[in-house]
C-alpha atoms as a PDB file:
ATOM      1  CA  UNK A   1     -39.937 -63.412  68.852  1.00  0.00           C
ATOM      2  CA  UNK A   2     -38.373 -66.724  69.957  1.00  0.00           C
ATOM      3  CA  UNK A   3     -38.260 -68.095  73.492  1.00  0.00           C
ATOM      4  CA  UNK A   4     -34.554 -67.179  73.575  1.00  0.00           C
ATOM      5  CA  UNK A   5     -35.320 -63.506  72.832  1.00  0.00           C
ATOM      6  CA  UNK A   6     -37.939 -63.388  75.595  1.00  0.00           C
ATOM      7  CA  UNK A   7     -35.677 -64.795  78.327  1.00  0.00           C
ATOM      8  CA  UNK A   8     -34.753 -61.417  79.862  1.00  0.00           C
ATOM      9  CA  UNK A   9     -38.342 -60.763  80.926  1.00  0.00           C
ATOM     10  CA  UNK A  10     -39.210 -64.303  82.053  1.00  0.00           C
ATOM     11  CA  UNK A  11     -40.395 -64.839  85.618  1.00  0.00           C
ATOM     12  CA  UNK A  12     -39.107 -67.718  87.755  1.00  0.00           C
ATOM     13  CA  UNK A  13     -42.170 -69.822  86.864  1.00  0.00           C
ATOM     14  CA  UNK A  14     -41.773 -69.123  83.137  1.00  0.00           C
ATOM     15  CA  UNK A  15     -38.059 -69.969  83.268  1.00  0.00           C
ATOM     16  CA  UNK A  16     -38.745 -73.271  85.072  1.00  0.00           C
ATOM     17  CA  UNK A  17     -41.368 -74.172  82.475  1.00  0.00           C
ATOM     18  CA  UNK A  18     -38.980 -73.326  79.640  1.00  0.00           C
ATOM     19  CA  UNK A  19     -36.230 -75.460  81.179  1.00  0.00           C
ATOM     20  CA  UNK A  20     -38.608 -78.364  81.522  1.00  0.00           C
ATOM     21  CA  UNK A  21     -39.611 -78.098  77.870  1.00  0.00           C
ATOM     22  CA  UNK A  22     -36.345 -77.126  76.175  1.00  0.00           C
ATOM     23  CA  UNK A  23     -33.618 -78.369  78.553  1.00  0.00           C
ATOM     24  CA  UNK A  24     -31.798 -80.314  75.848  1.00  0.00           C
ATOM     25  CA  UNK A  25     -31.651 -77.269  73.543  1.00  0.00           C
ATOM     26  CA  UNK A  26     -30.371 -74.637  75.998  1.00  0.00           C
ATOM     27  CA  UNK A  27     -26.575 -74.095  75.894  1.00  0.00           C
ATOM     28  CA  UNK A  28     -24.613 -74.403  79.138  1.00  0.00           C
ATOM     29  CA  UNK A  29     -24.307 -71.136  81.064  1.00  0.00           C
ATOM     30  CA  UNK A  30     -27.389 -69.495  79.560  1.00  0.00           C
ATOM     31  CA  UNK A  31     -29.473 -70.222  82.654  1.00  0.00           C
ATOM     32  CA  UNK A  32     -28.053 -69.367  86.093  1.00  0.00           C
ATOM     33  CA  UNK A  33     -29.287 -70.585  89.473  1.00  0.00           C
ATOM     34  CA  UNK A  34     -29.164 -68.531  92.666  1.00  0.00           C
ATOM     35  CA  UNK A  35     -27.480 -70.500  95.490  1.00  0.00           C
ATOM     36  CA  UNK A  36     -29.732 -68.806  98.061  1.00  0.00           C
ATOM     37  CA  UNK A  37     -33.298 -68.852  96.661  1.00  0.00           C
ATOM     38  CA  UNK A  38     -32.548 -71.489  93.976  1.00  0.00           C
ATOM     39  CA  UNK A  39     -34.372 -69.399  91.393  1.00  0.00           C
ATOM     40  CA  UNK A  40     -33.273 -69.989  87.795  1.00  0.00           C
ATOM     41  CA  UNK A  41     -33.029 -67.162  85.292  1.00  0.00           C
ATOM     42  CA  UNK A  42     -31.418 -65.963  82.059  1.00  0.00           C
ATOM     43  CA  UNK A  43     -27.805 -65.026  82.864  1.00  0.00           C
ATOM     44  CA  UNK A  44     -28.147 -61.437  81.571  1.00  0.00           C
ATOM     45  CA  UNK A  45     -30.682 -60.717  84.302  1.00  0.00           C
ATOM     46  CA  UNK A  46     -27.766 -60.799  86.760  1.00  0.00           C
ATOM     47  CA  UNK A  47     -26.530 -57.522  85.311  1.00  0.00           C
ATOM     48  CA  UNK A  48     -23.036 -56.109  85.707  1.00  0.00           C
ATOM     49  CA  UNK A  49     -23.376 -56.143  89.500  1.00  0.00           C
ATOM     50  CA  UNK A  50     -24.247 -59.868  89.502  1.00  0.00           C
ATOM     51  CA  UNK A  51     -27.302 -59.665  91.755  1.00  0.00           C
ATOM     52  CA  UNK A  52     -30.063 -62.271  91.831  1.00  0.00           C
ATOM     53  CA  UNK A  53     -33.167 -60.661  90.274  1.00  0.00           C
ATOM     54  CA  UNK A  54     -35.464 -62.717  92.515  1.00  0.00           C
ATOM     55  CA  UNK A  55     -34.029 -62.422  96.052  1.00  0.00           C
ATOM     56  CA  UNK A  56     -31.274 -59.763  95.842  1.00  0.00           C
ATOM     57  CA  UNK A  57     -28.399 -62.096  96.764  1.00  0.00           C
ATOM     58  CA  UNK A  58     -25.053 -60.642  95.659  1.00  0.00           C
ATOM     59  CA  UNK A  59     -23.141 -63.349  93.776  1.00  0.00           C
ATOM     60  CA  UNK A  60     -19.464 -63.925  94.538  1.00  0.00           C
ATOM     61  CA  UNK A  61     -17.286 -61.818  92.258  1.00  0.00           C
ATOM     62  CA  UNK A  62     -13.495 -61.567  91.701  1.00  0.00           C
ATOM     63  CA  UNK A  63     -11.562 -58.839  93.494  1.00  0.00           C
ATOM     64  CA  UNK A  64     -10.652 -57.027  90.297  1.00  0.00           C
ATOM     65  CA  UNK A  65     -14.287 -56.871  89.190  1.00  0.00           C
ATOM     66  CA  UNK A  66     -15.295 -55.437  92.564  1.00  0.00           C
ATOM     67  CA  UNK A  67     -12.511 -52.888  92.241  1.00  0.00           C
ATOM     68  CA  UNK A  68     -13.907 -51.732  88.861  1.00  0.00           C
ATOM     69  CA  UNK A  69     -17.352 -51.317  90.425  1.00  0.00           C
ATOM     70  CA  UNK A  70     -15.832 -49.331  93.290  1.00  0.00           C
ATOM     71  CA  UNK A  71     -13.581 -46.832  91.494  1.00  0.00           C
ATOM     72  CA  UNK A  72     -11.385 -46.192  88.459  1.00  0.00           C
ATOM     73  CA  UNK A  73      -8.840 -44.111  90.402  1.00  0.00           C
ATOM     74  CA  UNK A  74      -6.687 -46.745  92.103  1.00  0.00           C
ATOM     75  CA  UNK A  75      -3.050 -47.355  93.026  1.00  0.00           C
ATOM     76  CA  UNK A  76      -2.104 -50.959  93.802  1.00  0.00           C
ATOM     77  CA  UNK A  77       0.207 -51.746  96.722  1.00  0.00           C
ATOM     78  CA  UNK A  78       2.491 -54.715  97.388  1.00  0.00           C
ATOM     79  CA  UNK A  79       1.684 -56.594  94.197  1.00  0.00           C
ATOM     80  CA  UNK A  80       4.995 -58.462  94.515  1.00  0.00           C
ATOM     81  CA  UNK A  81       4.094 -60.140  97.843  1.00  0.00           C
ATOM     82  CA  UNK A  82       3.408 -63.803  97.019  1.00  0.00           C
ATOM     83  CA  UNK A  83       2.825 -67.040  98.906  1.00  0.00           C
ATOM     84  CA  UNK A  84       5.563 -69.595  99.501  1.00  0.00           C
ATOM     85  CA  UNK A  85       5.110 -73.252 100.359  1.00  0.00           C
ATOM     86  CA  UNK A  86       6.429 -73.447 103.961  1.00  0.00           C
ATOM     87  CA  UNK A  87       5.182 -77.020 104.572  1.00  0.00           C
ATOM     88  CA  UNK A  88       5.939 -78.420 101.095  1.00  0.00           C
ATOM     89  CA  UNK A  89       2.268 -79.334 100.946  1.00  0.00           C
ATOM     90  CA  UNK A  90       1.470 -81.746  98.066  1.00  0.00           C
ATOM     91  CA  UNK A  91      -0.107 -79.976  95.075  1.00  0.00           C
ATOM     92  CA  UNK A  92      -0.033 -76.549  96.710  1.00  0.00           C
ATOM     93  CA  UNK A  93       2.256 -74.893  94.174  1.00  0.00           C
ATOM     94  CA  UNK A  94       0.001 -76.066  91.342  1.00  0.00           C
ATOM     95  CA  UNK A  95      -3.074 -74.750  93.176  1.00  0.00           C
ATOM     96  CA  UNK A  96      -1.429 -71.346  93.630  1.00  0.00           C
ATOM     97  CA  UNK A  97      -0.407 -71.193  89.968  1.00  0.00           C
ATOM     98  CA  UNK A  98      -3.969 -71.959  88.882  1.00  0.00           C
ATOM     99  CA  UNK A  99      -5.385 -69.327  91.249  1.00  0.00           C
ATOM    100  CA  UNK A 100      -3.008 -66.657  89.940  1.00  0.00           C
ATOM    101  CA  UNK A 101      -3.986 -67.424  86.369  1.00  0.00           C
ATOM    102  CA  UNK A 102      -7.714 -67.415  87.139  1.00  0.00           C
ATOM    103  CA  UNK A 103      -7.863 -64.256  89.266  1.00  0.00           C
ATOM    104  CA  UNK A 104      -4.991 -62.205  87.800  1.00  0.00           C
ATOM    105  CA  UNK A 105      -3.799 -61.712  91.390  1.00  0.00           C
ATOM    106  CA  UNK A 106      -0.603 -62.898  93.080  1.00  0.00           C
ATOM    107  CA  UNK A 107      -2.440 -63.522  96.373  1.00  0.00           C
ATOM    108  CA  UNK A 108      -5.974 -63.811  97.756  1.00  0.00           C
ATOM    109  CA  UNK A 109      -6.303 -60.097  98.502  1.00  0.00           C
ATOM    110  CA  UNK A 110      -5.912 -56.942  96.429  1.00  0.00           C
ATOM    111  CA  UNK A 111      -4.622 -53.939  98.372  1.00  0.00           C
ATOM    112  CA  UNK A 112      -4.069 -50.335  97.454  1.00  0.00           C
ATOM    113  CA  UNK A 113      -5.151 -46.710  97.662  1.00  0.00           C
ATOM    114  CA  UNK A 114      -8.514 -45.842  96.132  1.00  0.00           C
ATOM    115  CA  UNK A 115     -10.265 -42.538  95.522  1.00  0.00           C
ATOM    116  CA  UNK A 116     -14.000 -42.554  96.168  1.00  0.00           C
ATOM    117  CA  UNK A 117     -15.414 -39.278  94.899  1.00  0.00           C
ATOM    118  CA  UNK A 118     -12.923 -36.821  96.469  1.00  0.00           C
ATOM    119  CA  UNK A 119     -11.942 -39.037  99.398  1.00  0.00           C
ATOM    120  CA  UNK A 120      -8.879 -41.288  99.605  1.00  0.00           C
ATOM    121  CA  UNK A 121      -8.936 -44.611 101.445  1.00  0.00           C
ATOM    122  CA  UNK A 122      -6.694 -47.632 101.847  1.00  0.00           C
ATOM    123  CA  UNK A 123      -8.683 -50.553 100.439  1.00  0.00           C
ATOM    124  CA  UNK A 124      -8.367 -54.328 100.683  1.00  0.00           C
ATOM    125  CA  UNK A 125     -10.513 -56.690  98.590  1.00  0.00           C
ATOM    126  CA  UNK A 126     -10.351 -60.412  99.285  1.00  0.00           C
ATOM    127  CA  UNK A 127     -10.969 -62.704  96.317  1.00  0.00           C
ATOM    128  CA  UNK A 128     -13.186 -65.778  96.911  1.00  0.00           C
ATOM    129  CA  UNK A 129     -11.788 -67.407  93.774  1.00  0.00           C
ATOM    130  CA  UNK A 130      -8.148 -67.424  94.950  1.00  0.00           C
ATOM    131  CA  UNK A 131      -7.966 -70.681  96.949  1.00  0.00           C
ATOM    132  CA  UNK A 132     -11.373 -69.702  98.416  1.00  0.00           C
ATOM    133  CA  UNK A 133     -10.001 -66.354  99.572  1.00  0.00           C
ATOM    134  CA  UNK A 134      -8.081 -68.212 102.252  1.00  0.00           C
ATOM    135  CA  UNK A 135      -5.768 -66.467 104.697  1.00  0.00           C
ATOM    136  CA  UNK A 136      -2.146 -67.353 104.039  1.00  0.00           C
ATOM    137  CA  UNK A 137       1.196 -65.780 104.949  1.00  0.00           C
ATOM    138  CA  UNK A 138       1.188 -63.436 101.962  1.00  0.00           C
ATOM    139  CA  UNK A 139      -2.441 -62.447 102.545  1.00  0.00           C
ATOM    140  CA  UNK A 140      -1.586 -61.569 106.139  1.00  0.00           C
ATOM    141  CA  UNK A 141       1.498 -59.626 105.112  1.00  0.00           C
ATOM    142  CA  UNK A 142      -0.438 -57.589 102.536  1.00  0.00           C
ATOM    143  CA  UNK A 143      -3.249 -56.805 104.979  1.00  0.00           C
ATOM    144  CA  UNK A 144      -0.839 -55.863 107.770  1.00  0.00           C
ATOM    145  CA  UNK A 145       1.010 -53.547 105.379  1.00  0.00           C
ATOM    146  CA  UNK A 146      -2.342 -52.075 104.270  1.00  0.00           C
ATOM    147  CA  UNK A 147      -3.139 -50.964 107.823  1.00  0.00           C
ATOM    148  CA  UNK A 148       0.440 -49.849 108.478  1.00  0.00           C
ATOM    149  CA  UNK A 149       0.516 -47.630 105.370  1.00  0.00           C
ATOM    150  CA  UNK A 150      -2.931 -46.306 106.181  1.00  0.00           C
ATOM    151  CA  UNK A 151      -1.671 -45.371 109.659  1.00  0.00           C
ATOM    152  CA  UNK A 152       1.413 -43.625 108.241  1.00  0.00           C
ATOM    153  CA  UNK A 153      -0.645 -41.749 105.619  1.00  0.00           C
ATOM    154  CA  UNK A 154      -3.567 -41.097 108.008  1.00  0.00           C
ATOM    155  CA  UNK A 155      -6.049 -42.862 105.751  1.00  0.00           C
ATOM    156  CA  UNK A 156      -9.241 -44.728 106.620  1.00  0.00           C
ATOM    157  CA  UNK A 157      -9.320 -48.417 105.704  1.00  0.00           C
ATOM    158  CA  UNK A 158     -12.111 -50.160 103.798  1.00  0.00           C
ATOM    159  CA  UNK A 159     -11.849 -53.942 103.704  1.00  0.00           C
ATOM    160  CA  UNK A 160     -14.083 -56.308 101.723  1.00  0.00           C
ATOM    161  CA  UNK A 161     -13.864 -59.750 103.313  1.00  0.00           C
ATOM    162  CA  UNK A 162     -14.481 -62.971 101.375  1.00  0.00           C
ATOM    163  CA  UNK A 163     -12.766 -66.055 102.715  1.00  0.00           C
ATOM    164  CA  UNK A 164     -13.014 -69.723 103.543  1.00  0.00           C
ATOM    165  CA  UNK A 165     -10.758 -69.091 106.562  1.00  0.00           C
ATOM    166  CA  UNK A 166      -7.134 -69.931 107.349  1.00  0.00           C
ATOM    167  CA  UNK A 167      -5.206 -71.714 104.585  1.00  0.00           C
ATOM    168  CA  UNK A 168      -4.656 -75.299 105.672  1.00  0.00           C
ATOM    169  CA  UNK A 169      -1.713 -75.761 103.279  1.00  0.00           C
ATOM    170  CA  UNK A 170       0.305 -73.329 105.418  1.00  0.00           C
ATOM    171  CA  UNK A 171      -0.719 -74.641 108.841  1.00  0.00           C
ATOM    172  CA  UNK A 172       0.337 -72.552 111.848  1.00  0.00           C
ATOM    173  CA  UNK A 173       1.953 -69.995 109.517  1.00  0.00           C
ATOM    174  CA  UNK A 174      -1.554 -69.141 108.349  1.00  0.00           C
ATOM    175  CA  UNK A 175      -3.103 -68.989 111.832  1.00  0.00           C
ATOM    176  CA  UNK A 176      -0.416 -66.561 113.000  1.00  0.00           C
ATOM    177  CA  UNK A 177      -1.702 -63.993 110.496  1.00  0.00           C
ATOM    178  CA  UNK A 178      -4.843 -63.461 112.609  1.00  0.00           C
ATOM    179  CA  UNK A 179      -2.808 -61.935 115.439  1.00  0.00           C
ATOM    180  CA  UNK A 180      -0.479 -60.111 113.052  1.00  0.00           C
ATOM    181  CA  UNK A 181      -3.320 -58.321 111.244  1.00  0.00           C
ATOM    182  CA  UNK A 182      -5.160 -57.621 114.501  1.00  0.00           C
ATOM    183  CA  UNK A 183      -2.052 -55.872 115.879  1.00  0.00           C
ATOM    184  CA  UNK A 184      -1.920 -53.655 112.766  1.00  0.00           C
ATOM    185  CA  UNK A 185      -5.664 -52.927 113.076  1.00  0.00           C
ATOM    186  CA  UNK A 186      -5.129 -51.900 116.721  1.00  0.00           C
ATOM    187  CA  UNK A 187      -2.315 -49.482 115.850  1.00  0.00           C
ATOM    188  CA  UNK A 188      -4.523 -47.959 113.139  1.00  0.00           C
ATOM    189  CA  UNK A 189      -7.368 -47.563 115.668  1.00  0.00           C
ATOM    190  CA  UNK A 190      -5.010 -46.075 118.278  1.00  0.00           C
ATOM    191  CA  UNK A 191      -4.138 -43.388 115.724  1.00  0.00           C
ATOM    192  CA  UNK A 192      -7.818 -42.390 115.677  1.00  0.00           C
ATOM    193  CA  UNK A 193      -8.438 -43.605 112.128  1.00  0.00           C
ATOM    194  CA  UNK A 194     -11.589 -45.156 110.671  1.00  0.00           C
ATOM    195  CA  UNK A 195     -11.891 -48.821 109.714  1.00  0.00           C
ATOM    196  CA  UNK A 196     -14.904 -50.006 107.685  1.00  0.00           C
ATOM    197  CA  UNK A 197     -15.452 -53.667 106.865  1.00  0.00           C
ATOM    198  CA  UNK A 198     -17.851 -54.980 104.220  1.00  0.00           C
ATOM    199  CA  UNK A 199     -18.779 -58.614 104.846  1.00  0.00           C
ATOM    200  CA  UNK A 200     -19.383 -60.464 101.578  1.00  0.00           C
ATOM    201  CA  UNK A 201     -20.238 -64.069 100.780  1.00  0.00           C
ATOM    202  CA  UNK A 202     -18.576 -66.038 102.307  1.00  0.00           C
ATOM    203  CA  UNK A 203     -16.701 -64.692 105.328  1.00  0.00           C
ATOM    204  CA  UNK A 204     -15.728 -67.614 107.549  1.00  0.00           C
ATOM    205  CA  UNK A 205     -13.143 -69.228 109.824  1.00  0.00           C
ATOM    206  CA  UNK A 206     -10.132 -67.319 111.084  1.00  0.00           C
ATOM    207  CA  UNK A 207     -11.062 -64.203 109.103  1.00  0.00           C
ATOM    208  CA  UNK A 208     -14.387 -63.957 110.953  1.00  0.00           C
ATOM    209  CA  UNK A 209     -12.607 -64.721 114.228  1.00  0.00           C
ATOM    210  CA  UNK A 210     -10.236 -61.776 113.817  1.00  0.00           C
ATOM    211  CA  UNK A 211     -10.105 -58.696 111.609  1.00  0.00           C
ATOM    212  CA  UNK A 212     -13.556 -59.096 109.974  1.00  0.00           C
ATOM    213  CA  UNK A 213     -15.150 -58.340 113.350  1.00  0.00           C
ATOM    214  CA  UNK A 214     -12.844 -55.522 114.484  1.00  0.00           C
ATOM    215  CA  UNK A 215     -14.089 -52.590 112.405  1.00  0.00           C
ATOM    216  CA  UNK A 216     -15.617 -49.322 113.606  1.00  0.00           C
ATOM    217  CA  UNK A 217     -18.434 -49.753 111.080  1.00  0.00           C
ATOM    218  CA  UNK A 218     -19.567 -53.157 109.842  1.00  0.00           C
ATOM    219  CA  UNK A 219     -21.489 -53.297 106.568  1.00  0.00           C
ATOM    220  CA  UNK A 220     -22.603 -56.413 104.699  1.00  0.00           C
ATOM    221  CA  UNK A 221     -24.050 -57.468 101.366  1.00  0.00           C
ATOM    222  CA  UNK A 222     -27.511 -59.106 101.451  1.00  0.00           C
ATOM    223  CA  UNK A 223     -27.734 -62.824 102.274  1.00  0.00           C
ATOM    224  CA  UNK A 224     -23.971 -63.254 102.725  1.00  0.00           C
ATOM    225  CA  UNK A 225     -22.771 -66.204 104.795  1.00  0.00           C
ATOM    226  CA  UNK A 226     -20.740 -65.132 107.833  1.00  0.00           C
ATOM    227  CA  UNK A 227     -19.573 -67.873 110.181  1.00  0.00           C
ATOM    228  CA  UNK A 228     -16.732 -69.400 112.128  1.00  0.00           C
ATOM    229  CA  UNK A 229     -17.397 -73.155 111.905  1.00  0.00           C
ATOM    230  CA  UNK A 230     -19.514 -74.571 109.092  1.00  0.00           C
ATOM    231  CA  UNK A 231     -23.165 -75.528 109.535  1.00  0.00           C
ATOM    232  CA  UNK A 232     -22.531 -79.250 108.958  1.00  0.00           C
ATOM    233  CA  UNK A 233     -19.683 -79.326 111.472  1.00  0.00           C
ATOM    234  CA  UNK A 234     -21.851 -77.705 114.146  1.00  0.00           C
ATOM    235  CA  UNK A 235     -24.835 -79.961 113.471  1.00  0.00           C
ATOM    236  CA  UNK A 236     -22.675 -83.083 113.529  1.00  0.00           C
ATOM    237  CA  UNK A 237     -21.001 -81.991 116.761  1.00  0.00           C
ATOM    238  CA  UNK A 238     -24.139 -80.911 118.622  1.00  0.00           C
ATOM    239  CA  UNK A 239     -26.552 -83.394 117.089  1.00  0.00           C
ATOM    240  CA  UNK A 240     -29.057 -80.556 116.612  1.00  0.00           C
ATOM    241  CA  UNK A 241     -30.691 -78.853 113.641  1.00  0.00           C
ATOM    242  CA  UNK A 242     -29.766 -75.203 113.075  1.00  0.00           C
ATOM    243  CA  UNK A 243     -32.297 -72.547 111.953  1.00  0.00           C
ATOM    244  CA  UNK A 244     -32.397 -71.722 108.236  1.00  0.00           C
ATOM    245  CA  UNK A 245     -31.191 -68.152 108.838  1.00  0.00           C
ATOM    246  CA  UNK A 246     -28.291 -69.250 111.050  1.00  0.00           C
ATOM    247  CA  UNK A 247     -25.001 -67.540 110.050  1.00  0.00           C
ATOM    248  CA  UNK A 248     -26.732 -65.081 107.704  1.00  0.00           C
ATOM    249  CA  UNK A 249     -25.878 -61.364 107.842  1.00  0.00           C
ATOM    250  CA  UNK A 250     -29.569 -60.683 108.400  1.00  0.00           C
ATOM    251  CA  UNK A 251     -29.417 -62.671 111.641  1.00  0.00           C
ATOM    252  CA  UNK A 252     -26.135 -61.006 112.593  1.00  0.00           C
ATOM    253  CA  UNK A 253     -27.683 -57.569 112.130  1.00  0.00           C
ATOM    254  CA  UNK A 254     -30.654 -58.617 114.257  1.00  0.00           C
ATOM    255  CA  UNK A 255     -28.205 -59.498 117.049  1.00  0.00           C
ATOM    256  CA  UNK A 256     -26.073 -56.365 116.750  1.00  0.00           C
ATOM    257  CA  UNK A 257     -23.010 -57.664 114.889  1.00  0.00           C
ATOM    258  CA  UNK A 258     -23.745 -55.821 111.619  1.00  0.00           C
ATOM    259  CA  UNK A 259     -24.532 -52.103 111.429  1.00  0.00           C
ATOM    260  CA  UNK A 260     -26.142 -52.051 107.993  1.00  0.00           C
ATOM    261  CA  UNK A 261     -26.904 -54.415 105.122  1.00  0.00           C
ATOM    262  CA  UNK A 262     -26.306 -52.549 101.867  1.00  0.00           C
ATOM    263  CA  UNK A 263     -27.287 -53.782  98.381  1.00  0.00           C
ATOM    264  CA  UNK A 264     -24.236 -53.999  96.133  1.00  0.00           C
ATOM    265  CA  UNK A 265     -25.534 -51.321  93.760  1.00  0.00           C
ATOM    266  CA  UNK A 266     -25.639 -48.837  96.683  1.00  0.00           C
ATOM    267  CA  UNK A 267     -22.309 -49.714  98.305  1.00  0.00           C
ATOM    268  CA  UNK A 268     -20.088 -47.147  96.587  1.00  0.00           C
ATOM    269  CA  UNK A 269     -22.449 -44.306  97.457  1.00  0.00           C
ATOM    270  CA  UNK A 270     -22.738 -45.551 101.049  1.00  0.00           C
ATOM    271  CA  UNK A 271     -18.962 -45.718 101.444  1.00  0.00           C
ATOM    272  CA  UNK A 272     -18.548 -42.238  99.970  1.00  0.00           C
ATOM    273  CA  UNK A 273     -21.088 -40.906 102.493  1.00  0.00           C
ATOM    274  CA  UNK A 274     -19.258 -42.549 105.405  1.00  0.00           C
ATOM    275  CA  UNK A 275     -15.906 -41.178 104.247  1.00  0.00           C
ATOM    276  CA  UNK A 276     -17.453 -37.709 103.973  1.00  0.00           C
ATOM    277  CA  UNK A 277     -18.762 -37.930 107.536  1.00  0.00           C
ATOM    278  CA  UNK A 278     -15.382 -39.167 108.728  1.00  0.00           C
ATOM    279  CA  UNK A 279     -13.614 -36.247 107.024  1.00  0.00           C
ATOM    280  CA  UNK A 280     -15.982 -33.779 108.707  1.00  0.00           C
ATOM    281  CA  UNK A 281     -15.223 -35.393 112.076  1.00  0.00           C
ATOM    282  CA  UNK A 282     -11.479 -34.966 111.492  1.00  0.00           C
ATOM    283  CA  UNK A 283     -11.877 -31.312 110.458  1.00  0.00           C
ATOM    284  CA  UNK A 284     -14.098 -30.693 113.473  1.00  0.00           C
ATOM    285  CA  UNK A 285     -11.466 -32.161 115.782  1.00  0.00           C
ATOM    286  CA  UNK A 286      -8.751 -30.043 114.151  1.00  0.00           C
ATOM    287  CA  UNK A 287     -10.773 -26.855 114.634  1.00  0.00           C
END
């Protein structure tokens, strides 16, 4: 058996030793590095869920891949809603075209109706690979419509957040989406309907400052970054050094901002359980 065949069972120490010895012979992409623990390992050890085998960090994944993990019974909504270029920002159209080709999405969020077990929910999945999952006009429109349809159809909403914040190429048009989505979230809540958010890596900026923190139940994937301003910006402004766990979901849970941290492989089951409890609450109220 060659060193290549043994890679799947190699420990971190064995992998580091192999890289030191055979670095010039190993093809690009064979060895992956975790951005959290910096462990290096054979790429197949990530598995289909893309989870670090050493520390449990859930790698960033495209929206459509997350959708496949979640359910096979889906109906997409508002696929035709696309971004414009309101400020004629240099290079923006090219950036959007590249993002659409890479992610197979027309905007930074997928929205639709999804069946989890026997329960229906309106679902939004932000894509960190579409201009960093940034919040633009079209993203805001799709998310507002998601909550509005959910209110009309009396459906709970499940939203997976992943974003670098407001989209600078759209300026104030982007920032206005925070209030627009929040208004739709409020109407959904006023109708007595459930909103679950799943914070994934990264959730930052205007998304954190608005709808990511407005859910009835807040779940998160392990070791995800959740923040408003970036660490470097804060340190440069304050002149101080921030703790290593600053802006981690683990720290947020410790301080009451996150209800539960759920490993990616358990998320679907956890969401199904919450939807079942929610359905029982509705039936109980009706009786």
